[in-house]
Structure formats: structure tokens, C-alpha cells
Amino acid sequence: MILVLMVVFVLTGCVADPMPTMEPIPSQTTIRVEAVTEHKFFVPIVYMHIPAKVGVVSESPLSKVIRWHNPSTSIKVTVRGSDVVKRDGYDWSKPDNLMSGYRVDWITVNNSPEWMAQDGLICKLPLARHWWRYAEFVQLVIDRYHPKYIELWNEPDIAYADMPFEHVYFYGCIGDGQEYAQFADYIYSNVSGAEIIIGSVASPYTAFIIDMINADPDYDGLSFHCYNRFYEKLVGNCVAEYDHTTQYTNKPVYLSETAVLYKTGSESDYEQAQIEHYNQLLELPTVWYWYTLCGNGWPIGCCSTDLCRRPVYEEYIKE
């Protein structure tokens, strides 16, 4: 990668790699991408603040300061209808800024604007009379950014009653697999130009995914999330969860969010557990994304809390 601008940034003894200059995307520019053919980390560039309850890490350290991640590498991002869809048009400023300089293969569309959403809750699906407008929004996302995959919602299997209100920006809070399937089928039938991925479930072991599949929607692939845990050692097996999820469908299955949740133990042992998890994931015959590259309020990314690269990221870039 040719670097246009060299910046040395020091954080508690860690020196960041050189940072390339990134030009903002003009409002009418689109990004042409290629199909995902390799294992890639989930590398979201967060453009919203996470509630203080889980720690606030803004977009600044990653998207505006630390640019050591190769921008030609595939990333997975979220475009929220609650940010973009207005009564009288669309505001693309947030996703345009989010994706500037990166190749985007996978976009998760999530949230409804309050005026469109059931019960006025942005984590819920649009009211049925607004589905046409949400389909228009999804089509515009495809036409503007040209992803290979469009994933519908984030963890829609989590019911609203089971989540704290301050988290409605990033959980689905739908909870009804049949209702979600009807919405997904409508979107599939009214957009073109990308593969439509349904599911994005927090767990593949719930009635939600069974009800969703039994409703028989049209779709191109099924996605799920899996997090191993670290209790002094790595606990869990996402390969086994992948095998379980493939039983639901003859369509491709994708692990669209994964990492190792930090529970107990030393930082060095945790970093070794991350590498073990990474090597485990290499067994998967599918696309998978690591949550996250850096920050986002959760200390589980490919960089430590002082923004230094962790060993798992060094392992990744050897690929």
C-alpha cells in the first residue's frame, strides 16, 4: 500500500502505523466492490457513540486517526434506516463518511426511522404500510454502495422485552420469526443487485430461526452470530454452531459476527485465546467477520484498549 501521508501517533507506548490520506466520498459517488472470496474480519468503522453503560468509544480513534488497517481489505458495515430515511428524502452523510476509502462487501441494513417504526421504536420493523419505502431505501443502498451482500437487521431474534431501551440502536428487538420472514420476503421480492441475507440471529438455537425458516421466505443466504468465551481458557465452538445452523437451510450460511468475549483471566492469556478462536474459524468453509477491528466500547477487538494491535491481528495480516 502506497502511503501518501506519514503520521506517528503515540498512545501509552504504542506507535501507530502510518496513516494514508483519505478523501471524503462526493455525495453522488458510488463504491464498486468485488465478491468476497476469502476469510475476512468483520471490521466496522463505528459512526455512532455507544451508551456510556458499556463504555463510549467514538468513531474518531479508528476512522479519523488510526488508519493502520489496509483500506483495500473488505469490511462489513451497518447502514441504519433511522439515520438515512427522512419523510422528504434521504440523508447519506453518515454512511458516506463511514465507507470513505474502504471496499465494502457486506452491508447490514438495520433500524426504522421513528415515524415509520412499529410503536415508534427504531429497533422494530417498519409498519407494513411503509414496507415499500424501506424496500426503496434498501435498493438505494445497493445502487449507491454496490455491496455483494445485504443483511437484513441485526439480531432480530432478541425481543424488545429482553433488551434495555438504550440499546435499541443496534439490536433488532423483533422477536417474531414469522413476521421477520414476511418482511424479508417482501424486501427480497422488491430489490435487486445484491444477495439478500436473512437471520443475523444472536443464537441459532432459538424458536425464532425455526419460525423464520418455516415461513418459507425467499432469500440468498442465512447468517448467525457466535461468540466464544474466555474463562482462563477458550470456551465454546463456533464451528459446531455453524454445522448446527446449516441444518436449517440448503442456502449458504455465513458467520456474520464473531469474537471472544473477555470474562476472566490475564490479557496475555486472552490474546492467546483470540488466536485459538481465529485458527478455529479458519476451518469454516464460509465468509466470517470479526467483531471488531478496534474500539466500539467492547474490549474484544483486534486492538487493545490503548489502540495497539493485538497478536490476532498480526496473525490475520499474514494471510
C-alpha atoms as a PDB file:
ATOM      1  CA  MET A   1       0.000   0.000   0.000  1.00  0.00           C
ATOM      2  CA  ILE A   2       1.405   3.397  -1.004  1.00  0.00           C
ATOM      3  CA  LEU A   3       1.191   5.877   1.816  1.00  0.00           C
ATOM      4  CA  VAL A   4       0.501   9.477   0.944  1.00  0.00           C
ATOM      5  CA  LEU A   5       0.843  10.826   4.477  1.00  0.00           C
ATOM      6  CA  MET A   6       3.010   9.504   7.301  1.00  0.00           C
ATOM      7  CA  VAL A   7       1.764  10.140  10.836  1.00  0.00           C
ATOM      8  CA  VAL A   8       3.286   8.917  14.106  1.00  0.00           C
ATOM      9  CA  PHE A   9       0.666   8.639  16.835  1.00  0.00           C
ATOM     10  CA  VAL A  10       1.744   7.624  20.335  1.00  0.00           C
ATOM     11  CA  LEU A  11      -0.675   6.055  22.827  1.00  0.00           C
ATOM     12  CA  THR A  12       0.688   4.630  26.082  1.00  0.00           C
ATOM     13  CA  GLY A  13       3.847   3.376  24.450  1.00  0.00           C
ATOM     14  CA  CYS A  14       2.253   2.075  21.272  1.00  0.00           C
ATOM     15  CA  VAL A  15       3.203   3.704  17.964  1.00  0.00           C
ATOM     16  CA  ALA A  16       0.515   3.505  15.313  1.00  0.00           C
ATOM     17  CA  ASP A  17       1.384   2.510  11.780  1.00  0.00           C
ATOM     18  CA  PRO A  18       1.467   5.119   9.017  1.00  0.00           C
ATOM     19  CA  MET A  19      -1.907   6.537   8.091  1.00  0.00           C
ATOM     20  CA  PRO A  20      -2.913   7.071   4.450  1.00  0.00           C
ATOM     21  CA  THR A  21      -4.784  10.202   3.490  1.00  0.00           C
ATOM     22  CA  MET A  22      -8.464   9.523   2.888  1.00  0.00           C
ATOM     23  CA  GLU A  23     -10.590  11.745   0.698  1.00  0.00           C
ATOM     24  CA  PRO A  24     -14.313  12.006   1.535  1.00  0.00           C
ATOM     25  CA  ILE A  25     -16.740  10.446  -0.888  1.00  0.00           C
ATOM     26  CA  PRO A  26     -18.566  13.020  -3.000  1.00  0.00           C
ATOM     27  CA  SER A  27     -22.295  12.825  -2.418  1.00  0.00           C
ATOM     28  CA  GLN A  28     -23.052  11.072  -5.699  1.00  0.00           C
ATOM     29  CA  THR A  29     -20.030   8.749  -5.846  1.00  0.00           C
ATOM     30  CA  THR A  30     -20.531   5.005  -5.501  1.00  0.00           C
ATOM     31  CA  ILE A  31     -18.097   2.292  -4.474  1.00  0.00           C
ATOM     32  CA  ARG A  32     -17.723  -0.680  -6.778  1.00  0.00           C
ATOM     33  CA  VAL A  33     -16.762  -3.824  -4.868  1.00  0.00           C
ATOM     34  CA  GLU A  34     -15.801  -7.385  -5.599  1.00  0.00           C
ATOM     35  CA  ALA A  35     -17.324 -10.570  -4.250  1.00  0.00           C
ATOM     36  CA  VAL A  36     -15.913 -11.894  -1.000  1.00  0.00           C
ATOM     37  CA  THR A  37     -13.806 -14.945  -1.737  1.00  0.00           C
ATOM     38  CA  GLU A  38     -11.581 -15.097   1.362  1.00  0.00           C
ATOM     39  CA  HIS A  39     -11.984 -15.187   5.117  1.00  0.00           C
ATOM     40  CA  LYS A  40     -12.171 -11.599   6.327  1.00  0.00           C
ATOM     41  CA  PHE A  41     -12.545  -9.948   9.666  1.00  0.00           C
ATOM     42  CA  PHE A  42     -15.665  -8.016  10.447  1.00  0.00           C
ATOM     43  CA  VAL A  43     -14.147  -4.539  10.534  1.00  0.00           C
ATOM     44  CA  PRO A  44     -16.867  -1.995  11.236  1.00  0.00           C
ATOM     45  CA  ILE A  45     -15.936   1.663  11.430  1.00  0.00           C
ATOM     46  CA  VAL A  46     -18.303   2.883  14.076  1.00  0.00           C
ATOM     47  CA  TYR A  47     -20.064   6.171  13.371  1.00  0.00           C
ATOM     48  CA  MET A  48     -22.311   6.305  16.418  1.00  0.00           C
ATOM     49  CA  HIS A  49     -21.500   6.543  20.108  1.00  0.00           C
ATOM     50  CA  ILE A  50     -22.102   3.514  22.283  1.00  0.00           C
ATOM     51  CA  PRO A  51     -24.016   4.285  25.508  1.00  0.00           C
ATOM     52  CA  ALA A  52     -21.755   5.077  28.470  1.00  0.00           C
ATOM     53  CA  LYS A  53     -23.096   1.981  30.223  1.00  0.00           C
ATOM     54  CA  VAL A  54     -20.820  -0.143  28.067  1.00  0.00           C
ATOM     55  CA  GLY A  55     -18.112   2.444  27.511  1.00  0.00           C
ATOM     56  CA  VAL A  56     -18.017   5.243  24.989  1.00  0.00           C
ATOM     57  CA  VAL A  57     -15.617   4.949  22.085  1.00  0.00           C
ATOM     58  CA  SER A  58     -16.419   7.338  19.275  1.00  0.00           C
ATOM     59  CA  GLU A  59     -15.550   6.875  15.639  1.00  0.00           C
ATOM     60  CA  SER A  60     -12.554   9.192  15.958  1.00  0.00           C
ATOM     61  CA  PRO A  61      -9.785   6.793  17.069  1.00  0.00           C
ATOM     62  CA  LEU A  62     -10.485   4.410  14.217  1.00  0.00           C
ATOM     63  CA  SER A  63     -11.958   6.234  11.250  1.00  0.00           C
ATOM     64  CA  LYS A  64     -10.203   9.578  11.699  1.00  0.00           C
ATOM     65  CA  VAL A  65      -6.921   8.758  13.466  1.00  0.00           C
ATOM     66  CA  ILE A  66      -5.847   5.112  13.386  1.00  0.00           C
ATOM     67  CA  ARG A  67      -5.705   4.018   9.762  1.00  0.00           C
ATOM     68  CA  TRP A  68      -3.359   1.062  10.075  1.00  0.00           C
ATOM     69  CA  HIS A  69      -5.951  -1.301   8.674  1.00  0.00           C
ATOM     70  CA  ASN A  70      -5.468  -1.777   4.934  1.00  0.00           C
ATOM     71  CA  PRO A  71      -8.363   0.128   3.319  1.00  0.00           C
ATOM     72  CA  SER A  72      -8.448  -2.279   0.372  1.00  0.00           C
ATOM     73  CA  THR A  73      -9.496  -5.074   2.731  1.00  0.00           C
ATOM     74  CA  SER A  74     -13.152  -5.985   2.778  1.00  0.00           C
ATOM     75  CA  ILE A  75     -15.172  -4.520   5.627  1.00  0.00           C
ATOM     76  CA  LYS A  76     -18.669  -5.061   6.982  1.00  0.00           C
ATOM     77  CA  VAL A  77     -20.700  -2.038   7.997  1.00  0.00           C
ATOM     78  CA  THR A  78     -24.193  -1.108   9.103  1.00  0.00           C
ATOM     79  CA  VAL A  79     -26.413   1.457   7.396  1.00  0.00           C
ATOM     80  CA  ARG A  80     -29.286   2.462   9.650  1.00  0.00           C
ATOM     81  CA  GLY A  81     -32.612   3.450   8.223  1.00  0.00           C
ATOM     82  CA  SER A  82     -33.093   5.642  11.288  1.00  0.00           C
ATOM     83  CA  ASP A  83     -30.088   7.729  10.154  1.00  0.00           C
ATOM     84  CA  VAL A  84     -30.830   7.880   6.443  1.00  0.00           C
ATOM     85  CA  VAL A  85     -34.560   7.702   5.709  1.00  0.00           C
ATOM     86  CA  LYS A  86     -36.379  11.023   6.111  1.00  0.00           C
ATOM     87  CA  ARG A  87     -40.003  11.802   5.369  1.00  0.00           C
ATOM     88  CA  ASP A  88     -38.981  14.007   2.466  1.00  0.00           C
ATOM     89  CA  GLY A  89     -35.916  12.145   1.172  1.00  0.00           C
ATOM     90  CA  TYR A  90     -32.622  10.627   2.290  1.00  0.00           C
ATOM     91  CA  ASP A  91     -29.548  11.828   4.190  1.00  0.00           C
ATOM     92  CA  TRP A  92     -26.488   9.782   3.166  1.00  0.00           C
ATOM     93  CA  SER A  93     -23.896  11.800   5.073  1.00  0.00           C
ATOM     94  CA  LYS A  94     -23.225   9.229   7.808  1.00  0.00           C
ATOM     95  CA  PRO A  95     -22.797   6.126   5.626  1.00  0.00           C
ATOM     96  CA  ASP A  96     -20.837   8.099   3.010  1.00  0.00           C
ATOM     97  CA  ASN A  97     -18.375   9.192   5.671  1.00  0.00           C
ATOM     98  CA  LEU A  98     -18.326   5.720   7.177  1.00  0.00           C
ATOM     99  CA  MET A  99     -17.304   3.961   3.974  1.00  0.00           C
ATOM    100  CA  SER A 100     -14.890   6.541   2.592  1.00  0.00           C
ATOM    101  CA  GLY A 101     -11.763   4.825   1.311  1.00  0.00           C
ATOM    102  CA  TYR A 102     -12.837   1.241   2.041  1.00  0.00           C
ATOM    103  CA  ARG A 103     -14.041  -1.685  -0.015  1.00  0.00           C
ATOM    104  CA  VAL A 104     -17.449  -2.676   1.343  1.00  0.00           C
ATOM    105  CA  ASP A 105     -18.654  -6.176   0.549  1.00  0.00           C
ATOM    106  CA  TRP A 106     -21.283  -6.625   3.247  1.00  0.00           C
ATOM    107  CA  ILE A 107     -23.847  -4.098   4.443  1.00  0.00           C
ATOM    108  CA  THR A 108     -26.294  -4.728   7.254  1.00  0.00           C
ATOM    109  CA  VAL A 109     -29.401  -2.557   6.986  1.00  0.00           C
ATOM    110  CA  ASN A 110     -30.908  -2.002  10.401  1.00  0.00           C
ATOM    111  CA  ASN A 111     -33.450   0.152  12.250  1.00  0.00           C
ATOM    112  CA  SER A 112     -36.510   2.070  11.082  1.00  0.00           C
ATOM    113  CA  PRO A 113     -36.977   5.820  11.483  1.00  0.00           C
ATOM    114  CA  GLU A 114     -39.337   6.563  14.379  1.00  0.00           C
ATOM    115  CA  TRP A 115     -42.140   7.790  12.152  1.00  0.00           C
ATOM    116  CA  MET A 116     -42.079   4.516  10.201  1.00  0.00           C
ATOM    117  CA  ALA A 117     -41.409   2.046  13.013  1.00  0.00           C
ATOM    118  CA  GLN A 118     -43.840  -0.121  14.942  1.00  0.00           C
ATOM    119  CA  ASP A 119     -44.606   1.568  18.276  1.00  0.00           C
ATOM    120  CA  GLY A 120     -42.205   4.341  17.282  1.00  0.00           C
ATOM    121  CA  LEU A 121     -39.247   2.134  18.296  1.00  0.00           C
ATOM    122  CA  ILE A 122     -36.423   2.275  15.778  1.00  0.00           C
ATOM    123  CA  CYS A 123     -35.266  -1.271  16.551  1.00  0.00           C
ATOM    124  CA  LYS A 124     -38.582  -2.664  15.313  1.00  0.00           C
ATOM    125  CA  LEU A 125     -39.672  -3.354  11.762  1.00  0.00           C
ATOM    126  CA  PRO A 126     -41.480  -0.688   9.759  1.00  0.00           C
ATOM    127  CA  LEU A 127     -45.249  -0.751   9.816  1.00  0.00           C
ATOM    128  CA  ALA A 128     -46.490  -2.827   6.874  1.00  0.00           C
ATOM    129  CA  ARG A 129     -47.772   0.246   5.045  1.00  0.00           C
ATOM    130  CA  HIS A 130     -44.192   1.551   4.931  1.00  0.00           C
ATOM    131  CA  TRP A 131     -42.515  -1.606   3.650  1.00  0.00           C
ATOM    132  CA  TRP A 132     -42.434  -0.214   0.121  1.00  0.00           C
ATOM    133  CA  ARG A 133     -40.443   2.775   1.363  1.00  0.00           C
ATOM    134  CA  TYR A 134     -37.990   0.588   3.262  1.00  0.00           C
ATOM    135  CA  ALA A 135     -37.515  -1.545   0.144  1.00  0.00           C
ATOM    136  CA  GLU A 136     -36.768   1.660  -1.765  1.00  0.00           C
ATOM    137  CA  PHE A 137     -34.169   2.534   0.883  1.00  0.00           C
ATOM    138  CA  VAL A 138     -32.519  -0.902   0.569  1.00  0.00           C
ATOM    139  CA  GLN A 139     -32.426  -0.583  -3.210  1.00  0.00           C
ATOM    140  CA  LEU A 140     -30.794   2.836  -2.927  1.00  0.00           C
ATOM    141  CA  VAL A 141     -28.176   1.378  -0.561  1.00  0.00           C
ATOM    142  CA  ILE A 142     -27.380  -1.271  -3.177  1.00  0.00           C
ATOM    143  CA  ASP A 143     -27.259   1.240  -6.012  1.00  0.00           C
ATOM    144  CA  ARG A 144     -25.075   3.660  -4.060  1.00  0.00           C
ATOM    145  CA  TYR A 145     -22.512   1.328  -2.462  1.00  0.00           C
ATOM    146  CA  HIS A 146     -22.723  -1.851  -4.578  1.00  0.00           C
ATOM    147  CA  PRO A 147     -22.203  -4.457  -1.844  1.00  0.00           C
ATOM    148  CA  LYS A 148     -22.160  -8.149  -2.600  1.00  0.00           C
ATOM    149  CA  TYR A 149     -24.380  -8.886   0.415  1.00  0.00           C
ATOM    150  CA  ILE A 150     -27.269  -7.107   2.124  1.00  0.00           C
ATOM    151  CA  GLU A 151     -28.072  -8.466   5.581  1.00  0.00           C
ATOM    152  CA  LEU A 152     -31.498  -7.609   6.986  1.00  0.00           C
ATOM    153  CA  TRP A 153     -31.405  -6.328  10.559  1.00  0.00           C
ATOM    154  CA  ASN A 154     -29.073  -7.127  13.448  1.00  0.00           C
ATOM    155  CA  GLU A 155     -30.057  -9.855  15.905  1.00  0.00           C
ATOM    156  CA  PRO A 156     -33.801  -9.593  15.248  1.00  0.00           C
ATOM    157  CA  ASP A 157     -34.367 -12.672  17.418  1.00  0.00           C
ATOM    158  CA  ILE A 158     -33.897 -10.556  20.555  1.00  0.00           C
ATOM    159  CA  ALA A 159     -37.351  -9.458  21.699  1.00  0.00           C
ATOM    160  CA  TYR A 160     -37.837  -5.893  22.876  1.00  0.00           C
ATOM    161  CA  ALA A 161     -38.869  -7.100  26.331  1.00  0.00           C
ATOM    162  CA  ASP A 162     -35.448  -8.720  26.723  1.00  0.00           C
ATOM    163  CA  MET A 163     -33.312  -5.671  25.983  1.00  0.00           C
ATOM    164  CA  PRO A 164     -32.555  -2.370  27.738  1.00  0.00           C
ATOM    165  CA  PHE A 165     -34.043   0.583  25.891  1.00  0.00           C
ATOM    166  CA  GLU A 166     -30.716   2.384  25.446  1.00  0.00           C
ATOM    167  CA  HIS A 167     -29.537  -0.448  23.202  1.00  0.00           C
ATOM    168  CA  VAL A 168     -32.256  -0.142  20.574  1.00  0.00           C
ATOM    169  CA  TYR A 169     -29.816   1.318  18.080  1.00  0.00           C
ATOM    170  CA  PHE A 170     -28.013  -1.924  17.470  1.00  0.00           C
ATOM    171  CA  TYR A 171     -30.281  -4.836  18.413  1.00  0.00           C
ATOM    172  CA  GLY A 172     -33.242  -5.929  16.340  1.00  0.00           C
ATOM    173  CA  CYS A 173     -35.916  -6.260  19.065  1.00  0.00           C
ATOM    174  CA  ILE A 174     -38.330  -8.075  16.757  1.00  0.00           C
ATOM    175  CA  GLY A 175     -38.518 -11.499  18.370  1.00  0.00           C
ATOM    176  CA  ASP A 176     -41.111 -12.896  15.937  1.00  0.00           C
ATOM    177  CA  GLY A 177     -39.530 -15.133  13.305  1.00  0.00           C
ATOM    178  CA  GLN A 178     -42.613 -15.328  11.114  1.00  0.00           C
ATOM    179  CA  GLU A 179     -43.105 -11.561  10.995  1.00  0.00           C
ATOM    180  CA  TYR A 180     -39.434 -11.055  10.187  1.00  0.00           C
ATOM    181  CA  ALA A 181     -39.669 -13.669   7.402  1.00  0.00           C
ATOM    182  CA  GLN A 182     -42.624 -11.864   5.809  1.00  0.00           C
ATOM    183  CA  PHE A 183     -40.692  -8.603   5.837  1.00  0.00           C
ATOM    184  CA  ALA A 184     -37.568 -10.280   4.428  1.00  0.00           C
ATOM    185  CA  ASP A 185     -39.587 -11.927   1.672  1.00  0.00           C
ATOM    186  CA  TYR A 186     -41.045  -8.546   0.707  1.00  0.00           C
ATOM    187  CA  ILE A 187     -37.595  -6.957   0.547  1.00  0.00           C
ATOM    188  CA  TYR A 188     -36.219  -9.868  -1.486  1.00  0.00           C
ATOM    189  CA  SER A 189     -39.052  -9.546  -3.998  1.00  0.00           C
ATOM    190  CA  ASN A 190     -38.625  -5.805  -4.443  1.00  0.00           C
ATOM    191  CA  VAL A 191     -34.867  -5.210  -4.670  1.00  0.00           C
ATOM    192  CA  SER A 192     -32.092  -6.426  -6.949  1.00  0.00           C
ATOM    193  CA  GLY A 193     -28.347  -6.213  -7.358  1.00  0.00           C
ATOM    194  CA  ALA A 194     -27.154  -7.909  -4.137  1.00  0.00           C
ATOM    195  CA  GLU A 195     -27.604 -11.189  -2.317  1.00  0.00           C
ATOM    196  CA  ILE A 196     -30.201 -10.885   0.451  1.00  0.00           C
ATOM    197  CA  ILE A 197     -29.043 -12.485   3.702  1.00  0.00           C
ATOM    198  CA  ILE A 198     -31.595 -13.178   6.413  1.00  0.00           C
ATOM    199  CA  GLY A 199     -31.213 -14.193  10.033  1.00  0.00           C
ATOM    200  CA  SER A 200     -28.342 -12.293  11.636  1.00  0.00           C
ATOM    201  CA  VAL A 201     -29.505 -14.113  14.752  1.00  0.00           C
ATOM    202  CA  ALA A 202     -27.815 -13.779  18.132  1.00  0.00           C
ATOM    203  CA  SER A 203     -28.284 -17.527  18.584  1.00  0.00           C
ATOM    204  CA  PRO A 204     -29.115 -20.320  16.125  1.00  0.00           C
ATOM    205  CA  TYR A 205     -30.708 -22.350  18.921  1.00  0.00           C
ATOM    206  CA  THR A 206     -34.000 -20.456  19.303  1.00  0.00           C
ATOM    207  CA  ALA A 207     -37.570 -20.792  18.057  1.00  0.00           C
ATOM    208  CA  PHE A 208     -37.087 -17.552  16.091  1.00  0.00           C
ATOM    209  CA  ILE A 209     -34.899 -19.131  13.419  1.00  0.00           C
ATOM    210  CA  ILE A 210     -37.199 -22.176  13.140  1.00  0.00           C
ATOM    211  CA  ASP A 211     -40.288 -19.988  12.747  1.00  0.00           C
ATOM    212  CA  MET A 212     -38.437 -17.829  10.228  1.00  0.00           C
ATOM    213  CA  ILE A 213     -37.427 -20.776   8.049  1.00  0.00           C
ATOM    214  CA  ASN A 214     -40.839 -22.439   8.348  1.00  0.00           C
ATOM    215  CA  ALA A 215     -42.445 -19.263   6.988  1.00  0.00           C
ATOM    216  CA  ASP A 216     -40.590 -20.091   3.741  1.00  0.00           C
ATOM    217  CA  PRO A 217     -39.308 -16.659   2.650  1.00  0.00           C
ATOM    218  CA  ASP A 218     -37.179 -16.185  -0.452  1.00  0.00           C
ATOM    219  CA  TYR A 219     -33.562 -15.379   0.386  1.00  0.00           C
ATOM    220  CA  ASP A 220     -29.986 -15.996  -0.791  1.00  0.00           C
ATOM    221  CA  GLY A 221     -28.226 -16.892   2.450  1.00  0.00           C
ATOM    222  CA  LEU A 222     -28.621 -17.324   6.205  1.00  0.00           C
ATOM    223  CA  SER A 223     -26.420 -15.613   8.803  1.00  0.00           C
ATOM    224  CA  PHE A 224     -25.817 -16.114  12.507  1.00  0.00           C
ATOM    225  CA  HIS A 225     -23.608 -14.737  15.296  1.00  0.00           C
ATOM    226  CA  CYS A 226     -21.332 -16.764  17.557  1.00  0.00           C
ATOM    227  CA  TYR A 227     -19.099 -15.626  20.408  1.00  0.00           C
ATOM    228  CA  ASN A 228     -16.718 -17.899  22.242  1.00  0.00           C
ATOM    229  CA  ARG A 229     -15.959 -17.034  25.880  1.00  0.00           C
ATOM    230  CA  PHE A 230     -12.726 -16.699  27.781  1.00  0.00           C
ATOM    231  CA  TYR A 231     -12.726 -18.075  31.341  1.00  0.00           C
ATOM    232  CA  GLU A 232      -8.978 -18.522  31.872  1.00  0.00           C
ATOM    233  CA  LYS A 233      -9.169 -20.519  28.623  1.00  0.00           C
ATOM    234  CA  LEU A 234     -11.235 -20.527  25.434  1.00  0.00           C
ATOM    235  CA  VAL A 235     -14.751 -21.885  25.902  1.00  0.00           C
ATOM    236  CA  GLY A 236     -17.130 -22.572  23.000  1.00  0.00           C
ATOM    237  CA  ASN A 237     -17.001 -23.786  19.427  1.00  0.00           C
ATOM    238  CA  CYS A 238     -18.352 -21.664  16.600  1.00  0.00           C
ATOM    239  CA  VAL A 239     -17.570 -24.375  14.058  1.00  0.00           C
ATOM    240  CA  ALA A 240     -20.100 -26.602  15.823  1.00  0.00           C
ATOM    241  CA  GLU A 241     -22.648 -23.757  15.776  1.00  0.00           C
ATOM    242  CA  TYR A 242     -22.037 -23.321  12.042  1.00  0.00           C
ATOM    243  CA  ASP A 243     -22.661 -27.038  11.485  1.00  0.00           C
ATOM    244  CA  HIS A 244     -25.883 -26.762  13.503  1.00  0.00           C
ATOM    245  CA  THR A 245     -27.086 -23.738  11.528  1.00  0.00           C
ATOM    246  CA  THR A 246     -26.543 -25.449   8.169  1.00  0.00           C
ATOM    247  CA  GLN A 247     -29.261 -27.936   9.130  1.00  0.00           C
ATOM    248  CA  TYR A 248     -31.894 -25.235   8.680  1.00  0.00           C
ATOM    249  CA  THR A 249     -31.222 -24.465   5.033  1.00  0.00           C
ATOM    250  CA  ASN A 250     -29.711 -25.578   1.757  1.00  0.00           C
ATOM    251  CA  LYS A 251     -28.608 -21.988   1.117  1.00  0.00           C
ATOM    252  CA  PRO A 252     -25.151 -20.622   2.051  1.00  0.00           C
ATOM    253  CA  VAL A 253     -24.615 -19.957   5.768  1.00  0.00           C
ATOM    254  CA  TYR A 254     -22.463 -17.061   6.976  1.00  0.00           C
ATOM    255  CA  LEU A 255     -20.971 -16.231  10.367  1.00  0.00           C
ATOM    256  CA  SER A 256     -21.596 -12.502  10.228  1.00  0.00           C
ATOM    257  CA  GLU A 257     -20.352 -11.627  13.712  1.00  0.00           C
ATOM    258  CA  THR A 258     -17.837 -13.386  15.949  1.00  0.00           C
ATOM    259  CA  ALA A 259     -15.171 -12.760  18.600  1.00  0.00           C
ATOM    260  CA  VAL A 260     -14.032 -13.938  22.017  1.00  0.00           C
ATOM    261  CA  LEU A 261     -15.845 -12.326  24.932  1.00  0.00           C
ATOM    262  CA  TYR A 262     -13.473 -11.385  27.738  1.00  0.00           C
ATOM    263  CA  LYS A 263     -14.618 -12.814  31.065  1.00  0.00           C
ATOM    264  CA  THR A 264     -11.764 -13.707  33.433  1.00  0.00           C
ATOM    265  CA  GLY A 265      -8.015 -14.178  33.102  1.00  0.00           C
ATOM    266  CA  SER A 266      -4.935 -12.237  32.086  1.00  0.00           C
ATOM    267  CA  GLU A 267      -4.664 -10.062  29.000  1.00  0.00           C
ATOM    268  CA  SER A 268      -1.887 -12.236  27.563  1.00  0.00           C
ATOM    269  CA  ASP A 269      -3.943 -15.411  28.016  1.00  0.00           C
ATOM    270  CA  TYR A 270      -6.932 -13.666  26.445  1.00  0.00           C
ATOM    271  CA  GLU A 271      -4.860 -12.679  23.418  1.00  0.00           C
ATOM    272  CA  GLN A 272      -3.782 -16.319  23.032  1.00  0.00           C
ATOM    273  CA  ALA A 273      -7.437 -17.344  23.211  1.00  0.00           C
ATOM    274  CA  GLN A 274      -8.183 -14.890  20.391  1.00  0.00           C
ATOM    275  CA  ILE A 275      -5.597 -16.645  18.220  1.00  0.00           C
ATOM    276  CA  GLU A 276      -7.085 -20.040  19.101  1.00  0.00           C
ATOM    277  CA  HIS A 277     -10.507 -18.748  18.083  1.00  0.00           C
ATOM    278  CA  TYR A 278      -9.090 -17.353  14.848  1.00  0.00           C
ATOM    279  CA  ASN A 279      -7.464 -20.691  13.972  1.00  0.00           C
ATOM    280  CA  GLN A 280     -10.746 -22.439  14.774  1.00  0.00           C
ATOM    281  CA  LEU A 281     -12.589 -20.165  12.371  1.00  0.00           C
ATOM    282  CA  LEU A 282     -10.179 -20.987   9.570  1.00  0.00           C
ATOM    283  CA  GLU A 283     -11.920 -24.381   9.430  1.00  0.00           C
ATOM    284  CA  LEU A 284     -15.153 -22.741   8.285  1.00  0.00           C
ATOM    285  CA  PRO A 285     -15.973 -23.013   4.561  1.00  0.00           C
ATOM    286  CA  THR A 286     -17.711 -19.643   4.632  1.00  0.00           C
ATOM    287  CA  VAL A 287     -17.397 -15.894   4.997  1.00  0.00           C
ATOM    288  CA  TRP A 288     -16.951 -14.728   8.599  1.00  0.00           C
ATOM    289  CA  TYR A 289     -16.418 -11.363  10.232  1.00  0.00           C
ATOM    290  CA  TRP A 290     -14.608 -10.467  13.443  1.00  0.00           C
ATOM    291  CA  TYR A 291     -16.201  -8.004  15.820  1.00  0.00           C
ATOM    292  CA  THR A 292     -14.438  -5.605  15.785  1.00  0.00           C
ATOM    293  CA  LEU A 293     -11.276  -4.120  14.406  1.00  0.00           C
ATOM    294  CA  CYS A 294     -10.958  -1.697  17.267  1.00  0.00           C
ATOM    295  CA  GLY A 295     -12.957   0.025  19.961  1.00  0.00           C
ATOM    296  CA  ASN A 296     -16.748   0.266  19.831  1.00  0.00           C
ATOM    297  CA  GLY A 297     -16.990   0.112  23.612  1.00  0.00           C
ATOM    298  CA  TRP A 298     -16.161  -3.596  23.839  1.00  0.00           C
ATOM    299  CA  PRO A 299     -12.571  -4.714  24.692  1.00  0.00           C
ATOM    300  CA  ILE A 300     -12.734  -7.692  22.326  1.00  0.00           C
ATOM    301  CA  GLY A 301     -11.368  -6.249  19.108  1.00  0.00           C
ATOM    302  CA  CYS A 302      -8.172  -6.741  17.178  1.00  0.00           C
ATOM    303  CA  CYS A 303      -6.584  -3.913  19.114  1.00  0.00           C
ATOM    304  CA  SER A 304      -6.200  -3.412  22.843  1.00  0.00           C
ATOM    305  CA  THR A 305      -7.754  -0.588  24.843  1.00  0.00           C
ATOM    306  CA  ASP A 306      -4.691   1.566  24.121  1.00  0.00           C
ATOM    307  CA  LEU A 307      -5.263   1.013  20.368  1.00  0.00           C
ATOM    308  CA  CYS A 308      -2.211  -1.227  19.864  1.00  0.00           C
ATOM    309  CA  ARG A 309      -2.523  -4.179  17.514  1.00  0.00           C
ATOM    310  CA  ARG A 310      -3.166  -7.443  19.262  1.00  0.00           C
ATOM    311  CA  PRO A 311      -1.375 -10.651  18.179  1.00  0.00           C
ATOM    312  CA  VAL A 312      -4.547 -11.949  16.477  1.00  0.00           C
ATOM    313  CA  TYR A 313      -4.411  -9.035  14.052  1.00  0.00           C
ATOM    314  CA  GLU A 314      -0.759  -9.753  13.293  1.00  0.00           C
ATOM    315  CA  GLU A 315      -1.785 -13.347  12.627  1.00  0.00           C
ATOM    316  CA  TYR A 316      -4.559 -12.153  10.331  1.00  0.00           C
ATOM    317  CA  ILE A 317      -2.387  -9.925   8.159  1.00  0.00           C
ATOM    318  CA  LYS A 318      -0.045 -12.855   7.481  1.00  0.00           C
ATOM    319  CA  GLU A 319      -2.842 -14.443   5.426  1.00  0.00           C
END
